[in-house]
Protein backbone atom coordinates (compact mmCIF):
# COMPACT_ATOMS: atom_id res chain seq x y z
CA UNK A 1 0.03 0.00 0.01
CA UNK A 2 0.95 3.61 -0.38
CA UNK A 3 0.88 5.84 2.67
CA UNK A 4 -2.47 5.30 4.38
CA UNK A 5 -3.00 5.47 8.10
CA UNK A 6 -5.39 3.65 10.45
CA UNK A 7 -7.06 7.01 11.14
CA UNK A 8 -7.84 7.42 7.39
CA UNK A 9 -9.36 3.89 7.36
CA UNK A 10 -11.40 4.71 10.44
CA UNK A 11 -12.73 7.94 9.03
CA UNK A 12 -13.55 6.30 5.68
CA UNK A 13 -15.70 3.53 7.21
CA UNK A 14 -17.22 5.65 10.02
CA UNK A 15 -16.62 2.92 12.54
CA UNK A 16 -16.07 3.14 16.35
CA UNK A 17 -12.41 2.72 17.39
CA UNK A 18 -11.34 0.88 20.50
CA UNK A 19 -7.61 1.08 21.28
CA UNK A 20 -4.72 3.28 21.95
CA UNK A 21 -4.98 6.66 20.11
CA UNK A 22 -1.33 6.73 19.04
CA UNK A 23 -1.96 3.74 16.79
CA UNK A 24 -4.24 5.86 14.67
CA UNK A 25 -1.28 7.70 13.14
CA UNK A 26 0.48 4.50 12.12
CA UNK A 27 0.68 3.69 8.40
CA UNK A 28 -0.88 0.44 7.32
CA UNK A 29 1.26 -2.10 5.52
CA UNK A 30 -1.73 -3.87 4.14
CA UNK A 31 -5.49 -4.56 4.53
CA UNK A 32 -6.38 -8.25 4.36
CA UNK A 33 -9.15 -10.69 4.99
CA UNK A 34 -6.96 -13.81 4.94
CA UNK A 35 -5.31 -14.39 8.35
CA UNK A 36 -2.43 -16.12 6.54
CA UNK A 37 -1.45 -12.90 4.79
CA UNK A 38 -1.20 -10.79 7.91
CA UNK A 39 2.23 -9.05 8.48
CA UNK A 40 3.44 -6.24 10.70
CA UNK A 41 1.03 -3.32 10.74
CA UNK A 42 -1.68 -5.04 8.70
CA UNK A 43 -5.28 -4.18 9.21
CA UNK A 44 -7.23 -7.44 9.42
CA UNK A 45 -10.89 -7.43 8.31
CA UNK A 46 -12.95 -10.18 9.93
CA UNK A 47 -15.46 -11.57 7.34
CA UNK A 48 -18.18 -13.96 8.38
CA UNK A 49 -18.07 -16.55 5.56
CA UNK A 50 -20.26 -19.58 4.82
CA UNK A 51 -17.88 -21.93 6.59
CA UNK A 52 -15.45 -19.72 8.50
CA UNK A 53 -15.92 -16.74 10.78
CA UNK A 54 -12.98 -14.41 10.54
CA UNK A 55 -13.67 -13.08 14.03
CA UNK A 56 -12.18 -16.23 15.45
CA UNK A 57 -8.77 -15.41 13.88
CA UNK A 58 -8.42 -11.92 15.27
CA UNK A 59 -6.20 -12.91 18.30
CA UNK A 60 -3.80 -14.85 16.10
CA UNK A 61 -3.63 -11.99 13.61
CA UNK A 62 -2.81 -9.50 16.35
CA UNK A 63 -0.10 -11.86 17.54
CA UNK A 64 1.22 -12.08 13.97
CA UNK A 65 1.66 -8.33 13.83
CA UNK A 66 -1.64 -6.86 12.80
CA UNK A 67 -2.14 -3.37 14.16
CA UNK A 68 -5.89 -3.58 14.39
CA UNK A 69 -8.95 -5.39 13.20
CA UNK A 70 -12.18 -4.35 11.61
CA UNK A 71 -15.07 -6.43 13.06
CA UNK A 72 -18.76 -6.67 13.70
CA UNK A 73 -18.41 -7.84 17.24
CA UNK A 74 -15.83 -7.29 20.02
CA UNK A 75 -12.81 -9.55 19.70
CA UNK A 76 -12.35 -12.19 22.34
CA UNK A 77 -8.98 -10.64 23.31
CA UNK A 78 -10.39 -7.08 23.23
CA UNK A 79 -7.40 -6.11 21.08
CA UNK A 80 -7.46 -2.80 19.13
CA UNK A 81 -10.46 -2.87 16.72
CA UNK A 82 -12.78 -0.82 14.66
CA UNK A 83 -16.39 -1.88 15.28
CA UNK A 84 -18.73 -1.66 12.30
CA UNK A 85 -22.18 -2.90 11.28
CA UNK A 86 -20.79 -4.68 8.20
CA UNK A 87 -17.16 -5.49 7.64
CA UNK A 88 -17.69 -5.90 3.90
CA UNK A 89 -19.27 -2.49 3.65
CA UNK A 90 -16.37 -1.04 5.66
CA UNK A 91 -13.95 -2.47 3.14
CA UNK A 92 -15.92 -0.91 0.28
CA UNK A 93 -15.88 2.50 2.03
CA UNK A 94 -12.16 2.27 2.78
CA UNK A 95 -11.36 1.14 -0.78
CA UNK A 96 -13.30 4.10 -2.18
CA UNK A 97 -11.27 6.46 -0.09
CA UNK A 98 -7.99 4.74 -0.95
CA UNK A 99 -8.75 4.87 -4.64
CA UNK A 100 -9.10 8.70 -4.43
CA UNK A 101 -5.43 8.94 -3.30
CA UNK A 102 -4.36 7.89 -6.79
CA UNK A 103 -4.29 10.13 -9.85
CA UNK A 104 -3.38 7.38 -12.35
CA UNK A 105 -5.81 6.12 -15.09
CA UNK A 106 -8.18 3.33 -13.88
CA UNK A 107 -9.49 0.90 -16.46
CA UNK A 108 -12.67 -0.92 -15.58
CA UNK A 109 -13.40 -4.19 -17.48
CA UNK A 110 -16.47 -6.33 -17.62
CA UNK A 111 -18.44 -8.53 -19.91
CA UNK A 112 -20.22 -11.86 -19.88
CA UNK A 113 -17.38 -13.70 -21.58
CA UNK A 114 -13.70 -12.94 -21.92
CA UNK A 115 -13.35 -10.24 -19.33
CA UNK A 116 -10.45 -12.03 -17.51
CA UNK A 117 -8.68 -12.83 -20.77
CA UNK A 118 -9.12 -9.33 -22.07
CA UNK A 119 -7.96 -7.92 -18.68
CA UNK A 120 -4.80 -10.04 -18.88
CA UNK A 121 -4.10 -9.01 -22.51
CA UNK A 122 -4.59 -5.33 -21.80
CA UNK A 123 -2.31 -5.55 -18.77
CA UNK A 124 0.29 -7.41 -20.85
CA UNK A 125 0.18 -4.82 -23.57
CA UNK A 126 0.28 -1.76 -21.29
CA UNK A 127 3.08 -3.34 -19.28
CA UNK A 128 5.36 -2.79 -22.35
CA UNK A 129 5.41 0.92 -21.37
CA UNK A 130 3.87 1.32 -17.99
CA UNK A 131 3.93 -0.08 -14.48
CA UNK A 132 0.51 -1.81 -14.42
CA UNK A 133 -1.44 -3.02 -11.41
CA UNK A 134 -4.15 -5.55 -12.32
CA UNK A 135 -6.77 -7.74 -10.76
CA UNK A 136 -5.33 -11.00 -9.58
CA UNK A 137 -7.24 -14.22 -10.26
CA UNK A 138 -11.00 -13.72 -10.04
CA UNK A 139 -10.99 -10.97 -7.37
CA UNK A 140 -13.67 -9.10 -9.24
CA UNK A 141 -16.67 -8.79 -6.86
CA UNK A 142 -17.56 -6.43 -3.98
CA UNK A 143 -14.96 -8.14 -1.82
CA UNK A 144 -12.36 -8.84 -4.40
CA UNK A 145 -12.30 -5.36 -5.90
CA UNK A 146 -11.48 -3.63 -2.59
CA UNK A 147 -8.72 -6.17 -1.98
CA UNK A 148 -7.37 -5.56 -5.46
CA UNK A 149 -7.18 -1.83 -4.82
CA UNK A 150 -5.46 -2.24 -1.38
CA UNK A 151 -2.66 -4.01 -3.19
CA UNK A 152 -2.08 -1.02 -5.36
CA UNK A 153 1.34 0.51 -4.76
CA UNK A 154 2.47 4.14 -5.04
CA UNK A 155 4.60 3.47 -8.11
CA UNK A 156 1.75 2.07 -10.23
CA UNK A 157 1.05 4.07 -13.47
CA UNK A 158 -2.16 2.37 -14.65
CA UNK A 159 -4.65 0.13 -12.80
CA UNK A 160 -6.60 -2.54 -14.77
CA UNK A 161 -9.59 -3.68 -12.68
CA UNK A 162 -11.90 -6.54 -13.59
CA UNK A 163 -15.45 -6.10 -12.44
CA UNK A 164 -17.84 -9.14 -12.23
CA UNK A 165 -21.53 -9.04 -11.33
CA UNK A 166 -24.59 -11.23 -11.23
CA UNK A 167 -27.41 -8.87 -10.32
CA UNK A 168 -28.67 -5.31 -10.82
CA UNK A 169 -26.97 -2.70 -8.67
CA UNK A 170 -23.72 -4.65 -8.18
CA UNK A 171 -21.90 -2.85 -10.94
CA UNK A 172 -22.99 0.43 -9.32
CA UNK A 173 -21.29 -0.61 -6.15
CA UNK A 174 -18.08 -1.56 -7.93
CA UNK A 175 -18.05 1.45 -10.19
CA UNK A 176 -18.43 3.81 -7.24
CA UNK A 177 -15.28 2.26 -5.78
CA UNK A 178 -13.22 2.17 -9.01
CA UNK A 179 -14.46 5.38 -10.71
CA UNK A 180 -12.97 4.21 -14.00
CA UNK A 181 -11.39 6.64 -16.50
CA UNK A 182 -11.80 4.04 -19.15
CA UNK A 183 -14.62 1.38 -19.48
CA UNK A 184 -14.24 -1.83 -21.49
CA UNK A 185 -17.10 -4.25 -22.18
CA UNK A 186 -16.38 -7.42 -24.08
CA UNK A 187 -19.93 -8.67 -24.77
CA UNK A 188 -23.45 -9.07 -23.43
CA UNK A 189 -24.23 -12.81 -23.09
CA UNK A 190 -26.82 -15.13 -21.60
CA UNK A 191 -25.39 -15.41 -18.09
CA UNK A 192 -26.74 -14.86 -14.56
CA UNK A 193 -30.26 -14.94 -15.97
CA UNK A 194 -31.73 -16.01 -12.65
CA UNK A 195 -31.43 -12.37 -11.65
CA UNK A 196 -30.93 -10.44 -14.89
CA UNK A 197 -33.75 -12.27 -16.82
CA UNK A 198 -32.44 -11.71 -20.40
CA UNK A 199 -29.66 -10.06 -22.43
CA UNK A 200 -31.29 -6.73 -22.13
CA UNK A 201 -31.12 -7.11 -18.38
CA UNK A 202 -27.46 -8.10 -18.67
CA UNK A 203 -26.80 -5.06 -20.76
CA UNK A 204 -28.51 -2.75 -18.27
CA UNK A 205 -26.58 -4.20 -15.32
CA UNK A 206 -23.16 -4.06 -17.08
CA UNK A 207 -23.60 -0.54 -18.38
CA UNK A 208 -24.25 0.75 -14.87
CA UNK A 209 -20.41 1.20 -15.10
CA UNK A 210 -20.82 4.25 -17.38
CA UNK A 211 -22.73 6.22 -14.69
CA UNK A 212 -19.61 6.44 -12.56
CA UNK A 213 -16.96 6.82 -15.24
CA UNK A 214 -14.94 9.97 -14.65
CA UNK A 215 -15.78 13.05 -16.72
CA UNK A 216 -14.02 12.95 -20.06
CA UNK A 217 -13.58 9.16 -19.97
CA UNK A 218 -13.67 6.84 -22.92
CA UNK A 219 -15.68 3.63 -23.48
CA UNK A 220 -14.32 0.72 -25.51
CA UNK A 221 -16.85 -1.86 -26.75
CA UNK A 222 -16.75 -5.14 -28.79
CA UNK A 223 -18.60 -4.22 -31.97
CA UNK A 224 -19.33 -7.83 -32.73
CA UNK A 225 -21.92 -7.86 -30.01
CA UNK A 226 -25.36 -6.73 -31.26
CA UNK A 227 -26.32 -5.29 -27.92
CA UNK A 228 -23.07 -3.33 -27.47
CA UNK A 229 -23.10 -2.09 -31.07
CA UNK A 230 -26.41 -0.32 -30.27
CA UNK A 231 -24.70 2.06 -27.91
CA UNK A 232 -23.97 5.25 -29.89
CA UNK A 233 -22.90 7.76 -27.14
CA UNK A 234 -21.65 7.73 -23.56
CA UNK A 235 -21.22 11.07 -21.74
CA UNK A 236 -21.38 12.86 -25.05
CA UNK A 237 -18.64 10.75 -26.72
CA UNK A 238 -18.88 7.99 -29.22
CA UNK A 239 -17.55 4.60 -28.01
CA UNK A 240 -14.43 3.07 -29.65
CA UNK A 241 -15.42 -0.31 -31.24
CA UNK A 242 -13.02 -3.22 -31.60
CA UNK A 243 -13.80 -6.67 -33.08
CA UNK A 244 -13.91 -8.74 -36.21
CA UNK A 245 -16.70 -6.66 -37.85
CA UNK A 246 -15.56 -4.49 -40.67
CA UNK A 247 -17.37 -1.56 -38.96
CA UNK A 248 -15.02 -1.66 -35.99
CA UNK A 249 -12.23 0.89 -35.59
CA UNK A 250 -9.80 -1.93 -34.62
CA UNK A 251 -10.32 -5.16 -36.57
CA UNK A 252 -8.33 -8.04 -38.00
CA UNK A 253 -7.95 -10.13 -41.11
CA UNK A 254 -5.73 -13.08 -42.28
CA UNK A 255 -6.58 -15.13 -39.19
CA UNK A 256 -4.84 -18.50 -39.08
CA UNK A 257 -4.29 -21.00 -36.24
CA UNK A 258 -1.84 -23.83 -35.76
CA UNK A 259 -4.62 -25.70 -33.85
CA UNK A 260 -2.15 -26.29 -31.01
CA UNK A 261 -1.41 -23.11 -29.06
CA UNK A 262 -1.52 -19.93 -31.10
CA UNK A 263 -3.41 -17.81 -33.62
CA UNK A 264 -1.76 -15.40 -36.11
CA UNK A 265 -3.55 -12.43 -37.54
CA UNK A 266 -3.14 -8.94 -38.96
CA UNK A 267 -4.50 -6.00 -36.95
CA UNK A 268 -6.05 -3.21 -39.00
CA UNK A 269 -6.81 0.25 -37.65
CA UNK A 270 -7.35 3.70 -39.38
CA UNK A 271 -3.64 4.62 -39.25
CA UNK A 272 -2.16 1.25 -40.40
CA UNK A 273 -1.80 -2.43 -39.67
CA UNK A 274 0.58 -4.89 -38.13
CA UNK A 275 0.99 -8.62 -37.65
CA UNK A 276 0.37 -10.16 -34.24
CA UNK A 277 0.25 -13.63 -32.59
CA UNK A 278 -1.88 -14.49 -29.62
CA UNK A 279 -1.29 -17.70 -27.63
CA UNK A 280 -4.81 -18.97 -27.59
CA UNK A 281 -7.17 -20.58 -30.04
CA UNK A 282 -10.37 -19.28 -31.62
CA UNK A 283 -11.45 -15.99 -33.23
CA UNK A 284 -12.82 -14.82 -29.84
CA UNK A 285 -9.14 -14.66 -28.70
CA UNK A 286 -8.40 -12.39 -31.63
CA UNK A 287 -11.28 -10.15 -30.58
CA UNK A 288 -9.92 -9.97 -27.06
CA UNK A 289 -6.52 -9.06 -28.47
CA UNK A 290 -8.11 -6.31 -30.51
CA UNK A 291 -9.54 -4.84 -27.34
CA UNK A 292 -5.93 -4.81 -25.90
CA UNK A 293 -4.79 -3.17 -29.13
CA UNK A 294 -7.38 -0.41 -28.83
CA UNK A 295 -6.25 0.33 -25.26
CA UNK A 296 -2.62 0.19 -26.31
CA UNK A 297 -3.17 2.81 -28.92
CA UNK A 298 -5.23 5.00 -26.60
CA UNK A 299 -2.29 5.02 -24.13
CA UNK A 300 0.32 5.78 -26.82
CA UNK A 301 1.98 2.41 -27.47
CA UNK A 302 3.66 1.57 -30.78
CA UNK A 303 2.60 -1.27 -33.08
CA UNK A 304 5.69 -3.15 -31.98
CA UNK A 305 4.98 -2.75 -28.27
CA UNK A 306 1.36 -3.88 -28.76
CA UNK A 307 2.33 -6.94 -30.74
CA UNK A 308 4.93 -7.85 -28.12
CA UNK A 309 2.32 -7.45 -25.32
CA UNK A 310 -0.16 -9.63 -27.09
CA UNK A 311 2.47 -12.29 -27.73
CA UNK A 312 3.44 -12.28 -24.06
CA UNK A 313 -0.13 -13.05 -22.87
CA UNK A 314 -0.51 -16.57 -21.36
CA UNK A 315 -3.79 -18.17 -20.60
CA UNK A 316 -4.63 -18.17 -16.88
CA UNK A 317 -6.19 -21.18 -15.02
CA UNK A 318 -8.38 -23.52 -16.92
CA UNK A 319 -9.09 -21.15 -19.83
CA UNK A 320 -8.54 -22.82 -23.16
CA UNK A 321 -5.36 -24.36 -21.82
CA UNK A 322 -4.14 -26.84 -24.49
CA UNK A 323 -2.54 -29.85 -22.91
CA UNK A 324 -0.67 -32.43 -25.03
CA UNK A 325 -0.37 -35.93 -23.65
CA UNK A 326 1.07 -38.99 -25.35
CA UNK A 327 -2.40 -39.99 -26.43
CA UNK A 328 -4.65 -36.87 -26.45
CA UNK A 329 -4.89 -33.13 -27.09
CA UNK A 330 -6.93 -31.73 -24.28
CA UNK A 331 -8.53 -28.30 -24.35
CA UNK A 332 -8.91 -27.52 -20.66
CA UNK A 333 -11.62 -24.78 -20.54
CA UNK A 334 -13.33 -25.86 -17.46
CA UNK A 335 -12.96 -22.69 -15.40
CA UNK A 336 -16.54 -21.64 -16.14
CA UNK A 337 -19.22 -21.70 -18.79
CA UNK A 338 -22.20 -19.85 -20.23
CA UNK A 339 -23.92 -20.18 -23.59
CA UNK A 340 -21.65 -17.80 -25.42
CA UNK A 341 -18.39 -19.23 -24.06
CA UNK A 342 -19.66 -22.77 -24.75
CA UNK A 343 -20.28 -21.90 -28.39
CA UNK A 344 -16.93 -20.22 -28.75
CA UNK A 345 -15.12 -23.28 -27.40
CA UNK A 346 -17.11 -25.75 -29.47
CA UNK A 347 -16.33 -23.60 -32.49
CA UNK A 348 -12.63 -23.77 -31.63
CA UNK A 349 -12.82 -27.57 -31.21
CA UNK A 350 -14.53 -27.87 -34.58
CA UNK A 351 -11.51 -26.29 -36.23
CA UNK A 352 -9.18 -29.21 -35.28
CA UNK A 353 -8.36 -32.11 -37.56
CA UNK A 354 -8.93 -35.66 -36.52
CA UNK A 355 -11.50 -37.03 -34.12
CA UNK A 356 -13.07 -34.20 -32.07
CA UNK A 357 -14.77 -34.93 -28.67
CA UNK A 358 -16.59 -32.47 -26.47
CA UNK A 359 -17.11 -33.34 -22.81
CA UNK A 360 -19.72 -30.70 -21.76
CA UNK A 361 -21.48 -30.09 -18.47
CA UNK A 362 -24.16 -28.00 -16.90
CA UNK A 363 -24.14 -24.22 -17.28
CA UNK A 364 -25.53 -22.66 -14.06
CA UNK A 365 -27.42 -19.47 -13.20
CA UNK A 366 -29.52 -19.41 -16.42
CA UNK A 367 -32.93 -19.06 -14.68
CA UNK A 368 -36.10 -20.17 -16.41
CA UNK A 369 -34.29 -20.46 -19.79
CA UNK A 370 -31.83 -23.13 -18.53
CA UNK A 371 -33.41 -26.11 -20.35
CA UNK A 372 -33.82 -24.28 -23.73
CA UNK A 373 -30.28 -22.86 -23.58
CA UNK A 374 -28.84 -26.32 -23.07
CA UNK A 375 -31.00 -27.61 -25.85
CA UNK A 376 -29.67 -24.83 -28.11
CA UNK A 377 -26.16 -25.99 -27.33
CA UNK A 378 -27.15 -29.49 -28.30
CA UNK A 379 -28.31 -28.26 -31.66
CA UNK A 380 -25.08 -26.26 -32.10
CA UNK A 381 -22.81 -29.22 -31.57
CA UNK A 382 -24.83 -31.06 -34.22
CA UNK A 383 -24.22 -28.13 -36.63
CA UNK A 384 -20.46 -28.45 -35.96
CA UNK A 385 -20.57 -32.16 -36.67
CA UNK A 386 -18.48 -33.28 -33.74
CA UNK A 387 -17.40 -36.93 -33.56
CA UNK A 388 -18.49 -37.49 -29.97
CA UNK A 389 -20.29 -35.42 -27.30
CA UNK A 390 -20.27 -36.52 -23.66
CA UNK A 391 -22.90 -34.52 -21.74
CA UNK A 392 -22.73 -34.62 -17.90
CA UNK A 393 -25.29 -33.28 -15.43
CA UNK A 394 -29.08 -32.93 -15.05
CA UNK A 395 -29.31 -29.88 -17.25
CA UNK A 396 -27.05 -31.35 -19.89
CA UNK A 397 -29.56 -34.04 -20.56
CA UNK A 398 -31.05 -31.45 -22.79
CA UNK A 399 -27.86 -31.34 -24.83
CA UNK A 400 -27.97 -35.12 -25.18
CA UNK A 401 -31.64 -35.18 -26.21
CA UNK A 402 -31.03 -32.71 -29.05
CA UNK A 403 -27.69 -34.21 -30.24
CA UNK A 404 -28.19 -37.99 -29.91
CA UNK A 405 -30.47 -38.44 -32.93
CA UNK A 406 -27.83 -36.83 -35.20
CA UNK A 407 -24.32 -37.49 -33.81
CA UNK A 408 -22.66 -39.85 -31.42
CA UNK A 409 -23.61 -38.65 -27.91
CA UNK A 410 -23.62 -40.07 -24.38
CA UNK A 411 -25.01 -38.73 -21.18
CA UNK A 412 -24.09 -39.25 -17.54
CA UNK A 413 -25.56 -37.75 -14.43
CA UNK A 414 -22.28 -37.20 -12.61
CA UNK A 415 -18.65 -36.79 -13.17
CA UNK A 416 -17.86 -39.95 -11.33
CA UNK A 417 -20.17 -42.02 -13.56
CA UNK A 418 -18.54 -40.47 -16.69
CA UNK A 419 -15.01 -41.27 -15.55
CA UNK A 420 -15.89 -44.95 -15.38
CA UNK A 421 -16.58 -44.94 -19.18
CA UNK A 422 -14.25 -42.38 -20.63
CA UNK A 423 -11.43 -44.83 -21.03
CA UNK A 424 -13.45 -46.87 -23.47
CA UNK A 425 -14.80 -43.80 -25.32
CA UNK A 426 -11.56 -41.91 -25.99
CA UNK A 427 -8.99 -43.02 -28.64
CA UNK A 428 -5.39 -42.16 -29.33
CA UNK A 429 -5.17 -38.90 -31.32
CA UNK A 430 -8.44 -37.39 -30.13
CA UNK A 431 -8.78 -33.70 -29.39
CA UNK A 432 -10.95 -33.33 -26.26
CA UNK A 433 -12.72 -30.16 -25.11
CA UNK A 434 -13.68 -30.16 -21.42
CA UNK A 435 -16.05 -27.41 -20.35
CA UNK A 436 -18.81 -26.73 -17.75
CA UNK A 437 -19.64 -24.26 -15.05
CA UNK A 438 -17.04 -24.22 -12.25
CA UNK A 439 -19.31 -25.89 -9.74
CA UNK A 440 -19.37 -29.05 -11.88
CA UNK A 441 -15.73 -29.68 -10.92
CA UNK A 442 -14.67 -30.69 -14.39
CA UNK A 443 -11.04 -30.24 -13.40
CA UNK A 444 -11.43 -33.81 -12.10
CA UNK A 445 -12.11 -34.96 -15.70
CA UNK A 446 -9.04 -33.11 -16.98
CA UNK A 447 -6.84 -34.68 -14.34
CA UNK A 448 -8.27 -38.11 -15.19
CA UNK A 449 -7.92 -38.09 -18.88
CA UNK A 450 -4.39 -36.59 -18.65
CA UNK A 451 -3.33 -39.97 -17.17
CA UNK A 452 -5.07 -42.09 -19.78
């Protein structure tokens, strides 16, 4: 953290302080919710979780060097603490104040699909010229965003902040914290429909970000998305569109893939064009790279710097991670799934040569449309003429019912049941896509078939 005292934190969250007054002038070394990350002069925020109550760790955190705790009830050891009604709200209030101590550009990124990949690419590109601070992992909600900001150091020159939501009003909370100078939206997909109802609802929730963009800010949108392409003006300025559509300011042509790890393409923009390579498969990866290109140009990078930044991007976690074993090529894309990301991954698989197998599982949080959206995916895999589809989960029975009359398709209710049969279903040389919502735990399938 940059210089930020316990007194500033107290004033920001409007809590009641219990402890020695001289501690209030001490500078905080960090603000954390994980007791394992406590160090000397940390401020520990006790969060009541589903399984663990952070209040139980306050004494050990003080012993480990924490200067104080933020809590909703008096600690057992009566150590220095700030008492608040809601620890999470206190963190939001403190993060809002801490953000205002920085004068650097803040980039807010969201979208139904590709926001993490786009965030990583933008950070990789901008890092060619600037000291960039970015969201780590999936710390993109009302707890993760404050923690991301607290890790921001004084020497940072640009902050790239991912913002994830599942309901109306949540983006408002995040945007009030971040107050982005630049907004980036990758797409409007069919996700979190339990709360957001339909794509118009998703659009309304995502674009709450614009209300809290700083005056004079700029919006970057993927022009391939029909909902985003409808946006003509934000705060009196036209958005900057990127994507594969010819109408986009930043677009691409001559797209080729080695069907192993990388995609080559030529970036085209009003002032010129240049060749680039992204380590990832599928046209959607090129679209994400074009978003990074647009931001790179906005912040004054050269073609060479942008191309280098795109090439240095590496997939994170289980996001289209291509694994080569002695017998199989595995596309590990099981981090999460919604209808748009499923279609993109199936499209990528369809481009491979040889026998193509898709192991697909349930997509969660789709509300009343969940059965039809899985059935649509079943019809889509038929269009792509895959050689084998293995559907797993109650909702994925809809995939099976649509696909089975037309292509080879099997259905299993659980991952455990599928693992018993996969050995017999896969053959040497297969390319296998593994994808489902994170709660399906498809990483178990990836680990299993890697050993076949």
